[in-house]
Amino acid sequence: MGQFLPGVIGQLYPGVYKFHCSYQWDDGSKDIWHGTVNQVINFGSHYEVFILSRSSLRVLVGQSTSGLFACLPDFSAGCHLSALNDTFYNSEKLIHALGNVVDGMTVACAFKALESALNFNND
């Protein structure tokens, strides 16, 4: 695994961050898949995260007065988030925003993997 350097504006973070996802469908069947975060760019006000899994996803994640948010401009989608490690809440919001279970779960699982790497503290 690579190592992030929180707080370095414009920093392109090296390394590949691997994560796994699972989803149980209403019929009881379960899908399991893997993904990687292969690039994170810190813009100071937000991060741009590139995810490779069953599809390629570019996600902007940041903080506002209402808390964390995620935007996926390529899908014309966005939503508020809970803590990055809250895959239940975040996946519900992302699935609704994207209209796609697999992509929503993938982004939520990637955020959980990045929880300790993305710094949103105002210290």
N, C-alpha and C. Protein backbone atom coordinates (compact mmCIF):
# COMPACT_ATOMS: atom_id res chain seq x y z
N MET A 1 0.83 -1.18 0.00
CA MET A 1 0.00 0.00 0.00
C MET A 1 0.87 1.24 0.00
N GLY A 2 0.36 2.29 -0.64
CA GLY A 2 1.05 3.57 -0.62
C GLY A 2 0.76 4.31 0.66
N GLN A 3 1.23 5.53 0.73
CA GLN A 3 1.01 6.32 1.93
C GLN A 3 0.57 7.71 1.51
N PHE A 4 -0.50 8.21 2.13
CA PHE A 4 -0.97 9.55 1.84
C PHE A 4 -0.23 10.56 2.70
N LEU A 5 -0.13 11.77 2.20
CA LEU A 5 0.46 12.87 2.93
C LEU A 5 -0.62 13.93 3.11
N PRO A 6 -1.44 13.81 4.18
CA PRO A 6 -2.57 14.72 4.34
C PRO A 6 -2.14 16.18 4.38
N GLY A 7 -2.94 17.02 3.77
CA GLY A 7 -2.74 18.44 3.88
C GLY A 7 -1.80 19.05 2.85
N VAL A 8 -1.24 18.27 1.95
CA VAL A 8 -0.35 18.82 0.94
C VAL A 8 -1.19 19.16 -0.30
N ILE A 9 -1.48 20.43 -0.48
CA ILE A 9 -2.36 20.86 -1.57
C ILE A 9 -1.69 20.61 -2.91
N GLY A 10 -2.46 20.06 -3.84
CA GLY A 10 -1.94 19.76 -5.16
C GLY A 10 -1.12 18.48 -5.21
N GLN A 11 -0.99 17.81 -4.08
CA GLN A 11 -0.19 16.59 -4.01
C GLN A 11 -0.91 15.44 -4.71
N LEU A 12 -0.21 14.76 -5.57
CA LEU A 12 -0.70 13.53 -6.18
C LEU A 12 -0.16 12.39 -5.34
N TYR A 13 -1.04 11.65 -4.70
CA TYR A 13 -0.63 10.63 -3.75
C TYR A 13 -0.26 9.34 -4.46
N PRO A 14 0.91 8.79 -4.18
CA PRO A 14 1.35 7.56 -4.84
C PRO A 14 0.67 6.34 -4.23
N GLY A 15 0.68 5.26 -4.95
CA GLY A 15 0.21 4.01 -4.40
C GLY A 15 -1.14 3.59 -4.92
N VAL A 16 -1.42 2.34 -4.75
CA VAL A 16 -2.70 1.76 -5.13
C VAL A 16 -3.34 1.25 -3.85
N TYR A 17 -4.58 1.61 -3.61
CA TYR A 17 -5.30 1.23 -2.41
C TYR A 17 -6.38 0.24 -2.80
N LYS A 18 -6.28 -0.97 -2.28
CA LYS A 18 -7.22 -2.03 -2.65
C LYS A 18 -8.33 -2.14 -1.60
N PHE A 19 -9.51 -2.52 -2.06
CA PHE A 19 -10.64 -2.72 -1.16
C PHE A 19 -11.55 -3.78 -1.77
N HIS A 20 -12.46 -4.30 -0.95
CA HIS A 20 -13.43 -5.26 -1.46
C HIS A 20 -14.84 -4.80 -1.10
N CYS A 21 -15.80 -5.24 -1.88
CA CYS A 21 -17.20 -4.87 -1.70
C CYS A 21 -18.06 -6.12 -1.74
N SER A 22 -19.21 -6.03 -1.10
CA SER A 22 -20.19 -7.11 -1.22
C SER A 22 -21.58 -6.49 -1.11
N TYR A 23 -22.54 -7.18 -1.72
CA TYR A 23 -23.92 -6.72 -1.67
C TYR A 23 -24.83 -7.93 -1.71
N GLN A 24 -25.79 -7.96 -0.79
CA GLN A 24 -26.78 -9.04 -0.79
C GLN A 24 -28.06 -8.52 -1.42
N TRP A 25 -28.47 -9.17 -2.50
CA TRP A 25 -29.66 -8.79 -3.25
C TRP A 25 -30.91 -9.28 -2.53
N ASP A 26 -32.05 -8.75 -2.92
CA ASP A 26 -33.33 -9.11 -2.29
C ASP A 26 -33.62 -10.61 -2.40
N ASP A 27 -33.13 -11.28 -3.44
CA ASP A 27 -33.38 -12.72 -3.60
C ASP A 27 -32.43 -13.58 -2.77
N GLY A 28 -31.56 -12.93 -1.97
CA GLY A 28 -30.64 -13.66 -1.10
C GLY A 28 -29.28 -13.94 -1.72
N SER A 29 -29.14 -13.74 -3.03
CA SER A 29 -27.83 -13.96 -3.65
C SER A 29 -26.88 -12.83 -3.25
N LYS A 30 -25.60 -13.14 -3.27
CA LYS A 30 -24.60 -12.17 -2.83
C LYS A 30 -23.53 -12.01 -3.91
N ASP A 31 -23.19 -10.77 -4.20
CA ASP A 31 -22.10 -10.45 -5.11
C ASP A 31 -20.92 -9.94 -4.30
N ILE A 32 -19.73 -10.35 -4.68
CA ILE A 32 -18.49 -9.87 -4.07
C ILE A 32 -17.58 -9.43 -5.20
N TRP A 33 -16.97 -8.25 -5.05
CA TRP A 33 -16.04 -7.76 -6.06
C TRP A 33 -14.96 -6.92 -5.39
N HIS A 34 -13.93 -6.63 -6.14
CA HIS A 34 -12.79 -5.89 -5.62
C HIS A 34 -12.60 -4.61 -6.42
N GLY A 35 -11.91 -3.67 -5.82
CA GLY A 35 -11.61 -2.42 -6.51
C GLY A 35 -10.30 -1.85 -6.02
N THR A 36 -9.85 -0.84 -6.72
CA THR A 36 -8.64 -0.12 -6.32
C THR A 36 -8.86 1.37 -6.46
N VAL A 37 -8.27 2.11 -5.55
CA VAL A 37 -8.15 3.56 -5.70
C VAL A 37 -6.75 3.75 -6.24
N ASN A 38 -6.64 4.22 -7.46
CA ASN A 38 -5.31 4.31 -8.05
C ASN A 38 -4.77 5.73 -8.11
N GLN A 39 -5.58 6.72 -7.70
CA GLN A 39 -5.09 8.09 -7.68
C GLN A 39 -5.97 8.93 -6.78
N VAL A 40 -5.33 9.77 -5.96
CA VAL A 40 -6.03 10.74 -5.13
C VAL A 40 -5.28 12.06 -5.26
N ILE A 41 -6.02 13.12 -5.55
CA ILE A 41 -5.41 14.44 -5.66
C ILE A 41 -6.06 15.35 -4.63
N ASN A 42 -5.24 16.02 -3.82
CA ASN A 42 -5.71 16.95 -2.81
C ASN A 42 -5.73 18.35 -3.41
N PHE A 43 -6.91 18.94 -3.51
CA PHE A 43 -7.04 20.30 -4.02
C PHE A 43 -7.19 21.32 -2.90
N GLY A 44 -7.00 20.91 -1.67
CA GLY A 44 -7.14 21.81 -0.54
C GLY A 44 -8.57 21.88 -0.06
N SER A 45 -9.50 22.23 -0.95
CA SER A 45 -10.91 22.31 -0.58
C SER A 45 -11.63 20.98 -0.76
N HIS A 46 -11.04 20.07 -1.53
CA HIS A 46 -11.65 18.76 -1.79
C HIS A 46 -10.59 17.82 -2.34
N TYR A 47 -10.95 16.56 -2.44
CA TYR A 47 -10.09 15.55 -3.05
C TYR A 47 -10.76 15.03 -4.32
N GLU A 48 -9.93 14.68 -5.29
CA GLU A 48 -10.41 13.98 -6.47
C GLU A 48 -9.87 12.55 -6.38
N VAL A 49 -10.79 11.58 -6.41
CA VAL A 49 -10.45 10.18 -6.20
C VAL A 49 -10.80 9.40 -7.47
N PHE A 50 -9.83 8.60 -7.95
CA PHE A 50 -10.06 7.77 -9.13
C PHE A 50 -10.14 6.31 -8.69
N ILE A 51 -11.27 5.68 -8.98
CA ILE A 51 -11.57 4.32 -8.54
C ILE A 51 -11.71 3.42 -9.77
N LEU A 52 -11.07 2.26 -9.71
CA LEU A 52 -11.23 1.24 -10.74
C LEU A 52 -11.85 0.01 -10.09
N SER A 53 -12.96 -0.44 -10.64
CA SER A 53 -13.62 -1.65 -10.16
C SER A 53 -14.37 -2.24 -11.34
N ARG A 54 -15.64 -2.50 -11.18
CA ARG A 54 -16.42 -2.98 -12.32
C ARG A 54 -16.59 -1.90 -13.38
N SER A 55 -16.39 -0.67 -12.98
CA SER A 55 -16.35 0.46 -13.90
C SER A 55 -15.30 1.44 -13.37
N SER A 56 -15.02 2.48 -14.11
CA SER A 56 -14.09 3.52 -13.67
C SER A 56 -14.91 4.68 -13.14
N LEU A 57 -14.54 5.18 -11.98
CA LEU A 57 -15.30 6.24 -11.33
C LEU A 57 -14.36 7.36 -10.91
N ARG A 58 -14.76 8.59 -11.17
CA ARG A 58 -14.04 9.77 -10.69
C ARG A 58 -14.97 10.46 -9.70
N VAL A 59 -14.51 10.60 -8.47
CA VAL A 59 -15.35 11.14 -7.40
C VAL A 59 -14.67 12.34 -6.78
N LEU A 60 -15.41 13.41 -6.58
CA LEU A 60 -14.94 14.56 -5.82
C LEU A 60 -15.56 14.44 -4.44
N VAL A 61 -14.74 14.51 -3.41
CA VAL A 61 -15.24 14.40 -2.04
C VAL A 61 -14.69 15.58 -1.25
N GLY A 62 -15.59 16.20 -0.48
CA GLY A 62 -15.20 17.37 0.29
C GLY A 62 -16.08 17.55 1.50
N GLN A 63 -15.90 18.70 2.14
CA GLN A 63 -16.65 19.00 3.35
C GLN A 63 -17.29 20.37 3.20
N SER A 64 -18.53 20.47 3.66
CA SER A 64 -19.25 21.75 3.69
C SER A 64 -19.78 21.95 5.10
N THR A 65 -20.54 23.01 5.30
CA THR A 65 -21.13 23.23 6.62
C THR A 65 -22.14 22.14 6.97
N SER A 66 -22.63 21.42 5.97
CA SER A 66 -23.57 20.32 6.20
C SER A 66 -22.88 18.98 6.39
N GLY A 67 -21.57 18.95 6.33
CA GLY A 67 -20.83 17.71 6.48
C GLY A 67 -20.14 17.31 5.18
N LEU A 68 -19.81 16.05 5.08
CA LEU A 68 -19.11 15.55 3.89
C LEU A 68 -20.07 15.39 2.71
N PHE A 69 -19.52 15.50 1.51
CA PHE A 69 -20.32 15.29 0.30
C PHE A 69 -19.47 14.58 -0.74
N ALA A 70 -20.15 13.95 -1.67
CA ALA A 70 -19.49 13.32 -2.82
C ALA A 70 -20.21 13.76 -4.08
N CYS A 71 -19.44 14.06 -5.11
CA CYS A 71 -20.00 14.40 -6.42
C CYS A 71 -19.34 13.52 -7.46
N LEU A 72 -20.13 13.02 -8.37
CA LEU A 72 -19.63 12.23 -9.50
C LEU A 72 -20.08 12.95 -10.77
N PRO A 73 -19.30 13.93 -11.22
CA PRO A 73 -19.72 14.76 -12.35
C PRO A 73 -20.03 13.97 -13.62
N ASP A 74 -19.32 12.87 -13.85
CA ASP A 74 -19.56 12.07 -15.05
C ASP A 74 -20.94 11.42 -15.05
N PHE A 75 -21.57 11.34 -13.87
CA PHE A 75 -22.89 10.74 -13.73
C PHE A 75 -23.95 11.80 -13.38
N SER A 76 -23.55 13.07 -13.32
CA SER A 76 -24.45 14.15 -12.89
C SER A 76 -25.10 13.80 -11.56
N ALA A 77 -24.29 13.30 -10.62
CA ALA A 77 -24.82 12.82 -9.34
C ALA A 77 -24.00 13.37 -8.18
N GLY A 78 -24.65 13.49 -7.04
CA GLY A 78 -23.98 13.91 -5.82
C GLY A 78 -24.89 13.69 -4.63
N CYS A 79 -24.28 13.65 -3.45
CA CYS A 79 -25.06 13.47 -2.22
C CYS A 79 -24.21 13.83 -1.01
N HIS A 80 -24.87 13.97 0.12
CA HIS A 80 -24.17 14.13 1.39
C HIS A 80 -23.74 12.76 1.89
N LEU A 81 -22.72 12.75 2.73
CA LEU A 81 -22.18 11.52 3.30
C LEU A 81 -22.17 11.62 4.81
N SER A 82 -22.06 10.47 5.44
CA SER A 82 -21.78 10.37 6.87
C SER A 82 -20.26 10.31 6.99
N ALA A 83 -19.75 9.74 8.07
CA ALA A 83 -18.31 9.51 8.18
C ALA A 83 -17.88 8.58 7.05
N LEU A 84 -16.64 8.71 6.61
CA LEU A 84 -16.18 7.91 5.47
C LEU A 84 -16.27 6.42 5.72
N ASN A 85 -16.20 5.98 6.97
CA ASN A 85 -16.25 4.54 7.28
C ASN A 85 -17.67 4.01 7.45
N ASP A 86 -18.68 4.84 7.28
CA ASP A 86 -20.08 4.43 7.43
C ASP A 86 -20.62 3.92 6.09
N THR A 87 -20.27 2.68 5.76
CA THR A 87 -20.66 2.15 4.45
C THR A 87 -22.17 1.97 4.32
N PHE A 88 -22.88 1.70 5.41
CA PHE A 88 -24.32 1.52 5.32
C PHE A 88 -25.00 2.81 4.85
N TYR A 89 -24.81 3.89 5.59
CA TYR A 89 -25.45 5.16 5.24
C TYR A 89 -24.96 5.67 3.88
N ASN A 90 -23.64 5.67 3.70
CA ASN A 90 -23.08 6.21 2.46
C ASN A 90 -23.52 5.42 1.23
N SER A 91 -23.57 4.09 1.36
CA SER A 91 -24.00 3.30 0.21
C SER A 91 -25.46 3.59 -0.13
N GLU A 92 -26.32 3.75 0.87
CA GLU A 92 -27.72 4.09 0.60
C GLU A 92 -27.83 5.40 -0.16
N LYS A 93 -27.11 6.41 0.29
CA LYS A 93 -27.15 7.72 -0.37
C LYS A 93 -26.57 7.66 -1.78
N LEU A 94 -25.42 6.98 -1.93
CA LEU A 94 -24.76 6.91 -3.23
C LEU A 94 -25.55 6.07 -4.23
N ILE A 95 -26.13 4.96 -3.78
CA ILE A 95 -26.95 4.13 -4.66
C ILE A 95 -28.14 4.93 -5.17
N HIS A 96 -28.78 5.69 -4.28
CA HIS A 96 -29.92 6.52 -4.68
C HIS A 96 -29.47 7.59 -5.69
N ALA A 97 -28.36 8.26 -5.41
CA ALA A 97 -27.88 9.34 -6.28
C ALA A 97 -27.47 8.81 -7.66
N LEU A 98 -26.81 7.66 -7.68
CA LEU A 98 -26.31 7.10 -8.93
C LEU A 98 -27.34 6.25 -9.67
N GLY A 99 -28.30 5.71 -8.93
CA GLY A 99 -29.25 4.80 -9.54
C GLY A 99 -28.62 3.47 -9.93
N ASN A 100 -27.54 3.12 -9.24
CA ASN A 100 -26.77 1.92 -9.59
C ASN A 100 -26.17 1.33 -8.32
N VAL A 101 -26.60 0.13 -7.96
CA VAL A 101 -26.16 -0.51 -6.72
C VAL A 101 -24.65 -0.74 -6.71
N VAL A 102 -24.12 -1.32 -7.76
CA VAL A 102 -22.71 -1.70 -7.77
C VAL A 102 -21.81 -0.47 -7.66
N ASP A 103 -22.09 0.58 -8.43
CA ASP A 103 -21.25 1.78 -8.36
C ASP A 103 -21.39 2.48 -7.02
N GLY A 104 -22.60 2.55 -6.47
CA GLY A 104 -22.79 3.17 -5.16
C GLY A 104 -22.05 2.43 -4.06
N MET A 105 -22.15 1.10 -4.06
CA MET A 105 -21.42 0.30 -3.07
C MET A 105 -19.91 0.44 -3.26
N THR A 106 -19.47 0.48 -4.51
CA THR A 106 -18.04 0.60 -4.79
C THR A 106 -17.47 1.89 -4.22
N VAL A 107 -18.15 2.99 -4.43
CA VAL A 107 -17.67 4.28 -3.91
C VAL A 107 -17.68 4.26 -2.38
N ALA A 108 -18.74 3.74 -1.77
CA ALA A 108 -18.82 3.68 -0.30
C ALA A 108 -17.68 2.83 0.26
N CYS A 109 -17.37 1.72 -0.36
CA CYS A 109 -16.29 0.85 0.11
C CYS A 109 -14.93 1.50 -0.11
N ALA A 110 -14.76 2.22 -1.20
CA ALA A 110 -13.51 2.94 -1.44
C ALA A 110 -13.31 4.01 -0.38
N PHE A 111 -14.38 4.73 -0.02
CA PHE A 111 -14.27 5.75 1.02
C PHE A 111 -13.86 5.14 2.35
N LYS A 112 -14.42 3.98 2.67
CA LYS A 112 -14.04 3.33 3.92
C LYS A 112 -12.55 3.00 3.91
N ALA A 113 -12.03 2.53 2.78
CA ALA A 113 -10.61 2.22 2.67
C ALA A 113 -9.74 3.46 2.80
N LEU A 114 -10.28 4.61 2.44
CA LEU A 114 -9.52 5.87 2.47
C LEU A 114 -9.74 6.68 3.74
N GLU A 115 -10.50 6.14 4.68
CA GLU A 115 -10.89 6.90 5.87
C GLU A 115 -9.71 7.57 6.57
N SER A 116 -8.64 6.84 6.79
CA SER A 116 -7.51 7.42 7.52
C SER A 116 -6.62 8.27 6.63
N ALA A 117 -6.85 8.25 5.33
CA ALA A 117 -5.99 8.97 4.40
C ALA A 117 -6.51 10.37 4.07
N LEU A 118 -7.82 10.53 4.01
CA LEU A 118 -8.40 11.82 3.64
C LEU A 118 -8.60 12.66 4.90
N ASN A 119 -8.03 13.84 4.92
CA ASN A 119 -8.04 14.68 6.11
C ASN A 119 -9.01 15.83 5.90
N PHE A 120 -10.10 15.84 6.67
CA PHE A 120 -11.07 16.92 6.60
C PHE A 120 -11.10 17.73 7.89
N ASN A 121 -10.09 17.59 8.73
CA ASN A 121 -10.02 18.37 9.97
C ASN A 121 -9.64 19.80 9.64
N ASN A 122 -10.20 20.71 10.38
CA ASN A 122 -9.89 22.13 10.19
C ASN A 122 -8.85 22.61 11.19
N ASP A 123 -7.98 21.70 11.61
CA ASP A 123 -6.95 22.05 12.61
C ASP A 123 -5.92 22.99 12.03
